[in-house]
Amino acid sequence: ASHTYKFDVKMTCGGCSGAVTRALKKAETDGLGIDTYNVSLEKQEVVVKGTIPYDTLLERIKKTGKEVGSPVPRCCRR
């Protein structure tokens, strides 16, 4: 099943958002189950839709060295 994940990611410049975008693009081309993604420097958020496991996605974003908040998937928040 497809999920929508939303992360608050601390990004201070275009280079930061570019690093996150590249990480997501690589995960997408690696066939990890990303359908769409949006990286917003303005909102400091990353929204990803797909079948990628949450832990895999979080690991990919954290590998960019950016601080990630809201580690709970939107589908699981109460």
N, C-alpha and C. Protein backbone atom coordinates (compact mmCIF):
# COMPACT_ATOMS: atom_id res chain seq x y z
N ALA A 1 0.84 -1.20 0.00
CA ALA A 1 0.00 0.00 0.00
C ALA A 1 0.87 1.24 0.00
N SER A 2 0.38 2.26 -0.65
CA SER A 2 1.12 3.52 -0.74
C SER A 2 0.85 4.37 0.50
N HIS A 3 1.87 5.07 0.96
CA HIS A 3 1.77 5.93 2.14
C HIS A 3 2.24 7.33 1.79
N THR A 4 1.82 8.30 2.59
CA THR A 4 2.33 9.66 2.48
C THR A 4 3.09 9.96 3.76
N TYR A 5 4.36 10.32 3.62
CA TYR A 5 5.20 10.65 4.76
C TYR A 5 5.55 12.12 4.71
N LYS A 6 5.49 12.78 5.86
CA LYS A 6 5.85 14.19 5.92
C LYS A 6 6.91 14.36 7.01
N PHE A 7 8.01 14.97 6.64
CA PHE A 7 9.11 15.20 7.58
C PHE A 7 9.40 16.68 7.67
N ASP A 8 9.69 17.16 8.87
CA ASP A 8 10.21 18.51 9.04
C ASP A 8 11.72 18.37 9.00
N VAL A 9 12.33 18.99 7.99
CA VAL A 9 13.77 18.85 7.80
C VAL A 9 14.40 20.24 7.85
N LYS A 10 15.40 20.40 8.72
CA LYS A 10 16.06 21.69 8.85
C LYS A 10 16.96 21.91 7.64
N MET A 11 16.56 22.85 6.77
CA MET A 11 17.33 23.19 5.57
C MET A 11 17.51 24.70 5.55
N THR A 12 18.75 25.15 5.41
CA THR A 12 19.01 26.59 5.48
C THR A 12 19.26 27.24 4.13
N CYS A 13 19.48 26.43 3.09
CA CYS A 13 19.78 27.02 1.79
C CYS A 13 19.42 26.05 0.67
N GLY A 14 19.57 26.51 -0.56
CA GLY A 14 19.29 25.67 -1.72
C GLY A 14 20.18 24.44 -1.78
N GLY A 15 21.38 24.56 -1.24
CA GLY A 15 22.30 23.42 -1.21
C GLY A 15 21.76 22.30 -0.33
N CYS A 16 21.15 22.71 0.79
CA CYS A 16 20.56 21.74 1.72
C CYS A 16 19.40 21.00 1.06
N SER A 17 18.48 21.77 0.48
CA SER A 17 17.31 21.14 -0.14
C SER A 17 17.75 20.33 -1.35
N GLY A 18 18.81 20.77 -2.02
CA GLY A 18 19.34 20.02 -3.17
C GLY A 18 19.89 18.67 -2.75
N ALA A 19 20.54 18.63 -1.59
CA ALA A 19 21.10 17.37 -1.09
C ALA A 19 19.98 16.38 -0.78
N VAL A 20 18.90 16.88 -0.19
CA VAL A 20 17.76 16.01 0.14
C VAL A 20 17.09 15.54 -1.15
N THR A 21 16.93 16.45 -2.10
CA THR A 21 16.33 16.10 -3.39
C THR A 21 17.14 15.01 -4.09
N ARG A 22 18.47 15.16 -4.08
CA ARG A 22 19.34 14.16 -4.71
C ARG A 22 19.20 12.80 -4.02
N ALA A 23 19.12 12.80 -2.70
CA ALA A 23 18.99 11.55 -1.95
C ALA A 23 17.67 10.85 -2.31
N LEU A 24 16.60 11.63 -2.44
CA LEU A 24 15.30 11.05 -2.78
C LEU A 24 15.28 10.57 -4.22
N LYS A 25 15.92 11.32 -5.11
CA LYS A 25 15.98 10.92 -6.51
C LYS A 25 16.74 9.60 -6.65
N LYS A 26 17.83 9.46 -5.88
CA LYS A 26 18.60 8.22 -5.92
C LYS A 26 17.77 7.05 -5.39
N ALA A 27 17.05 7.28 -4.30
CA ALA A 27 16.19 6.23 -3.74
C ALA A 27 15.12 5.83 -4.77
N GLU A 28 14.63 6.82 -5.50
CA GLU A 28 13.62 6.56 -6.53
C GLU A 28 14.22 5.72 -7.66
N THR A 29 15.40 6.10 -8.14
CA THR A 29 16.02 5.36 -9.24
C THR A 29 16.53 3.99 -8.78
N ASP A 30 16.79 3.84 -7.48
CA ASP A 30 17.19 2.54 -6.93
C ASP A 30 15.99 1.59 -6.82
N GLY A 31 14.80 2.10 -7.15
CA GLY A 31 13.60 1.25 -7.11
C GLY A 31 13.10 0.94 -5.72
N LEU A 32 13.24 1.90 -4.80
CA LEU A 32 12.84 1.66 -3.41
C LEU A 32 11.37 1.95 -3.13
N GLY A 33 10.62 2.34 -4.15
CA GLY A 33 9.18 2.53 -3.96
C GLY A 33 8.74 3.95 -3.69
N ILE A 34 9.43 4.93 -4.28
CA ILE A 34 9.00 6.32 -4.16
C ILE A 34 8.21 6.68 -5.41
N ASP A 35 6.95 7.11 -5.21
CA ASP A 35 6.12 7.53 -6.34
C ASP A 35 6.35 9.00 -6.65
N THR A 36 6.20 9.85 -5.63
CA THR A 36 6.43 11.28 -5.80
C THR A 36 7.08 11.82 -4.54
N TYR A 37 7.76 12.96 -4.69
CA TYR A 37 8.32 13.63 -3.52
C TYR A 37 8.36 15.12 -3.78
N ASN A 38 8.32 15.89 -2.70
CA ASN A 38 8.41 17.33 -2.79
C ASN A 38 9.27 17.84 -1.63
N VAL A 39 10.30 18.59 -1.97
CA VAL A 39 11.19 19.16 -0.97
C VAL A 39 10.96 20.67 -0.97
N SER A 40 10.48 21.20 0.14
CA SER A 40 10.20 22.63 0.23
C SER A 40 11.14 23.31 1.22
N LEU A 41 12.06 24.10 0.67
CA LEU A 41 12.99 24.86 1.51
C LEU A 41 12.21 25.90 2.31
N GLU A 42 11.24 26.52 1.66
CA GLU A 42 10.42 27.56 2.29
C GLU A 42 9.68 27.04 3.52
N LYS A 43 9.05 25.87 3.38
CA LYS A 43 8.28 25.28 4.49
C LYS A 43 9.14 24.41 5.39
N GLN A 44 10.39 24.15 4.99
CA GLN A 44 11.29 23.27 5.75
C GLN A 44 10.66 21.89 5.90
N GLU A 45 10.06 21.40 4.81
CA GLU A 45 9.43 20.09 4.91
C GLU A 45 9.66 19.26 3.65
N VAL A 46 9.58 17.96 3.86
CA VAL A 46 9.73 16.99 2.78
C VAL A 46 8.51 16.07 2.83
N VAL A 47 7.83 15.95 1.69
CA VAL A 47 6.66 15.07 1.60
C VAL A 47 6.97 14.01 0.56
N VAL A 48 6.81 12.75 0.95
CA VAL A 48 7.11 11.63 0.05
C VAL A 48 5.90 10.70 0.01
N LYS A 49 5.52 10.30 -1.21
CA LYS A 49 4.45 9.33 -1.38
C LYS A 49 5.03 8.09 -2.04
N GLY A 50 4.62 6.93 -1.54
CA GLY A 50 5.10 5.70 -2.15
C GLY A 50 4.97 4.51 -1.22
N THR A 51 5.57 3.41 -1.65
CA THR A 51 5.52 2.17 -0.87
C THR A 51 6.81 1.93 -0.11
N ILE A 52 7.75 2.87 -0.20
CA ILE A 52 9.04 2.75 0.49
C ILE A 52 8.79 2.58 2.00
N PRO A 53 9.51 1.66 2.65
CA PRO A 53 9.35 1.52 4.11
C PRO A 53 9.81 2.80 4.82
N TYR A 54 9.10 3.17 5.87
CA TYR A 54 9.39 4.40 6.61
C TYR A 54 10.84 4.48 7.07
N ASP A 55 11.35 3.39 7.66
CA ASP A 55 12.72 3.40 8.19
C ASP A 55 13.75 3.63 7.10
N THR A 56 13.52 3.04 5.93
CA THR A 56 14.43 3.21 4.80
C THR A 56 14.45 4.66 4.35
N LEU A 57 13.27 5.25 4.27
CA LEU A 57 13.15 6.65 3.85
C LEU A 57 13.83 7.58 4.85
N LEU A 58 13.56 7.37 6.13
CA LEU A 58 14.16 8.21 7.17
C LEU A 58 15.68 8.12 7.12
N GLU A 59 16.20 6.92 6.93
CA GLU A 59 17.64 6.70 6.85
C GLU A 59 18.24 7.48 5.67
N ARG A 60 17.57 7.44 4.53
CA ARG A 60 18.05 8.15 3.34
C ARG A 60 18.10 9.66 3.58
N ILE A 61 17.08 10.19 4.23
CA ILE A 61 17.05 11.64 4.49
C ILE A 61 18.12 12.00 5.51
N LYS A 62 18.26 11.19 6.56
CA LYS A 62 19.26 11.47 7.60
C LYS A 62 20.69 11.40 7.06
N LYS A 63 20.91 10.56 6.04
CA LYS A 63 22.25 10.43 5.46
C LYS A 63 22.74 11.74 4.86
N THR A 64 21.83 12.67 4.57
CA THR A 64 22.23 13.96 4.01
C THR A 64 22.83 14.86 5.10
N GLY A 65 22.70 14.44 6.36
CA GLY A 65 23.25 15.23 7.46
C GLY A 65 22.30 16.29 7.97
N LYS A 66 21.10 16.33 7.43
CA LYS A 66 20.12 17.33 7.87
C LYS A 66 19.38 16.83 9.10
N GLU A 67 18.97 17.78 9.93
CA GLU A 67 18.23 17.45 11.14
C GLU A 67 16.78 17.17 10.77
N VAL A 68 16.28 16.02 11.16
CA VAL A 68 14.92 15.62 10.80
C VAL A 68 14.04 15.60 12.04
N GLY A 69 12.94 16.35 12.00
CA GLY A 69 11.98 16.34 13.09
C GLY A 69 10.75 15.56 12.67
N SER A 70 9.75 15.51 13.52
CA SER A 70 8.48 14.80 13.24
C SER A 70 8.72 13.43 12.65
N PRO A 71 9.39 12.53 13.40
CA PRO A 71 9.71 11.23 12.83
C PRO A 71 8.54 10.25 12.77
N VAL A 72 7.32 10.72 13.01
CA VAL A 72 6.17 9.82 12.95
C VAL A 72 5.43 10.02 11.63
N PRO A 73 5.22 8.96 10.87
CA PRO A 73 4.50 9.11 9.61
C PRO A 73 3.09 9.68 9.85
N ARG A 74 2.64 10.49 8.93
CA ARG A 74 1.33 11.12 9.05
C ARG A 74 0.24 10.07 9.27
N CYS A 75 0.38 8.92 8.60
CA CYS A 75 -0.64 7.87 8.70
C CYS A 75 -0.71 7.27 10.10
N CYS A 76 0.36 7.45 10.88
CA CYS A 76 0.42 6.81 12.20
C CYS A 76 0.22 7.80 13.35
N ARG A 77 0.09 9.09 13.04
CA ARG A 77 -0.08 10.08 14.11
C ARG A 77 -1.47 9.96 14.70
N ARG A 78 -1.57 10.21 16.00
CA ARG A 78 -2.87 10.13 16.67
C ARG A 78 -3.25 11.49 17.20
